[in-house]
Amino acid sequence: MIIPVRCFTCGSLIADKWESFITRVSSGEDPGKVLDSLGVKRYCCRRMLLSNVDIIKEVVNYTRPI
C-alpha cells in the first residue's frame, strides 16, 4: 500500500518521513532509533510507519491496461 499522508489516530504528518525511514532501516539501522531521530514520538505515528507494507508493485500486475 502507499504510505498514508497523515496518522489515522492523531492526524500528524508522517508521509514526509517515510523515504528516510525506509532507506535507513534497509541499510541496517534499528527502527526504534531511526524513528526517535526523525522525531516520531507518538505510538500511533510509530505504528503507522512500522506496520506499513509496501505492496503497490504486486498490485500493479493485476490492473487492466487502458
C-alpha atoms as a PDB file:
ATOM      1  CA  MET A   1       0.000   0.000   0.000  1.00  0.00           C
ATOM      2  CA  ILE A   2       1.011   3.592  -0.280  1.00  0.00           C
ATOM      3  CA  ILE A   3       2.036   5.227   2.985  1.00  0.00           C
ATOM      4  CA  PRO A   4      -0.782   7.386   4.375  1.00  0.00           C
ATOM      5  CA  VAL A   5      -0.107  11.116   4.402  1.00  0.00           C
ATOM      6  CA  ARG A   6      -1.334  11.587   7.966  1.00  0.00           C
ATOM      7  CA  CYS A   7      -1.615   9.365  11.018  1.00  0.00           C
ATOM      8  CA  PHE A   8      -5.070   7.797  11.266  1.00  0.00           C
ATOM      9  CA  THR A   9      -5.302   8.475  15.007  1.00  0.00           C
ATOM     10  CA  CYS A  10      -3.797  11.900  15.696  1.00  0.00           C
ATOM     11  CA  GLY A  11      -3.598  13.449  12.229  1.00  0.00           C
ATOM     12  CA  SER A  12       0.110  14.201  12.407  1.00  0.00           C
ATOM     13  CA  LEU A  13       2.018  14.395   9.117  1.00  0.00           C
ATOM     14  CA  ILE A  14       4.034  11.192   8.590  1.00  0.00           C
ATOM     15  CA  ALA A  15       4.433  10.717   4.826  1.00  0.00           C
ATOM     16  CA  ASP A  16       7.417  13.053   4.651  1.00  0.00           C
ATOM     17  CA  LYS A  17       9.377  10.744   6.955  1.00  0.00           C
ATOM     18  CA  TRP A  18       8.754   7.521   5.018  1.00  0.00           C
ATOM     19  CA  GLU A  19      11.612   7.703   2.490  1.00  0.00           C
ATOM     20  CA  SER A  20      14.308   8.445   5.052  1.00  0.00           C
ATOM     21  CA  PHE A  21      12.854   5.835   7.427  1.00  0.00           C
ATOM     22  CA  ILE A  22      12.789   3.026   4.872  1.00  0.00           C
ATOM     23  CA  THR A  23      16.264   3.760   3.482  1.00  0.00           C
ATOM     24  CA  ARG A  24      17.852   3.901   6.930  1.00  0.00           C
ATOM     25  CA  VAL A  25      16.115   0.738   8.152  1.00  0.00           C
ATOM     26  CA  SER A  26      17.004  -1.177   4.989  1.00  0.00           C
ATOM     27  CA  SER A  27      20.636  -0.160   5.471  1.00  0.00           C
ATOM     28  CA  GLY A  28      20.623  -1.926   8.839  1.00  0.00           C
ATOM     29  CA  GLU A  29      19.782   0.698  11.458  1.00  0.00           C
ATOM     30  CA  ASP A  30      17.465  -0.030  14.377  1.00  0.00           C
ATOM     31  CA  PRO A  31      13.890   1.082  13.513  1.00  0.00           C
ATOM     32  CA  GLY A  32      13.264   2.453  17.011  1.00  0.00           C
ATOM     33  CA  LYS A  33      16.332   4.660  16.937  1.00  0.00           C
ATOM     34  CA  VAL A  34      15.528   5.841  13.410  1.00  0.00           C
ATOM     35  CA  LEU A  35      12.030   6.899  14.500  1.00  0.00           C
ATOM     36  CA  ASP A  36      13.493   8.707  17.506  1.00  0.00           C
ATOM     37  CA  SER A  37      15.925  10.625  15.318  1.00  0.00           C
ATOM     38  CA  LEU A  38      13.150  11.543  12.861  1.00  0.00           C
ATOM     39  CA  GLY A  39      11.117  12.998  15.715  1.00  0.00           C
ATOM     40  CA  VAL A  40       8.294  10.447  15.670  1.00  0.00           C
ATOM     41  CA  LYS A  41       7.400  10.210  19.365  1.00  0.00           C
ATOM     42  CA  ARG A  42       3.752   9.124  19.485  1.00  0.00           C
ATOM     43  CA  TYR A  43       2.937   5.438  19.481  1.00  0.00           C
ATOM     44  CA  CYS A  44       0.188   5.872  16.917  1.00  0.00           C
ATOM     45  CA  CYS A  45       2.542   7.526  14.419  1.00  0.00           C
ATOM     46  CA  ARG A  46       5.253   4.959  15.049  1.00  0.00           C
ATOM     47  CA  ARG A  47       2.705   2.227  14.360  1.00  0.00           C
ATOM     48  CA  MET A  48       1.830   3.814  11.017  1.00  0.00           C
ATOM     49  CA  LEU A  49       5.442   3.686   9.845  1.00  0.00           C
ATOM     50  CA  LEU A  50       6.374   0.321  11.341  1.00  0.00           C
ATOM     51  CA  SER A  51       3.328  -1.602  10.175  1.00  0.00           C
ATOM     52  CA  ASN A  52       3.098  -0.300   6.618  1.00  0.00           C
ATOM     53  CA  VAL A  53       3.595  -2.988   3.954  1.00  0.00           C
ATOM     54  CA  ASP A  54       4.618  -1.766   0.522  1.00  0.00           C
ATOM     55  CA  ILE A  55       2.614  -3.958  -1.892  1.00  0.00           C
ATOM     56  CA  ILE A  56       1.941  -1.483  -4.698  1.00  0.00           C
ATOM     57  CA  LYS A  57       4.345  -3.263  -7.077  1.00  0.00           C
ATOM     58  CA  GLU A  58       2.471  -6.536  -6.570  1.00  0.00           C
ATOM     59  CA  VAL A  59      -0.961  -4.931  -7.089  1.00  0.00           C
ATOM     60  CA  VAL A  60       0.051  -3.173 -10.311  1.00  0.00           C
ATOM     61  CA  ASN A  61       0.443  -6.554 -12.022  1.00  0.00           C
ATOM     62  CA  TYR A  62      -3.284  -7.228 -11.596  1.00  0.00           C
ATOM     63  CA  THR A  63      -4.635  -3.979 -13.041  1.00  0.00           C
ATOM     64  CA  ARG A  64      -6.062  -3.752 -16.543  1.00  0.00           C
ATOM     65  CA  PRO A  65      -4.157  -1.709 -19.121  1.00  0.00           C
ATOM     66  CA  ILE A  66      -6.193   1.173 -20.504  1.00  0.00           C
END
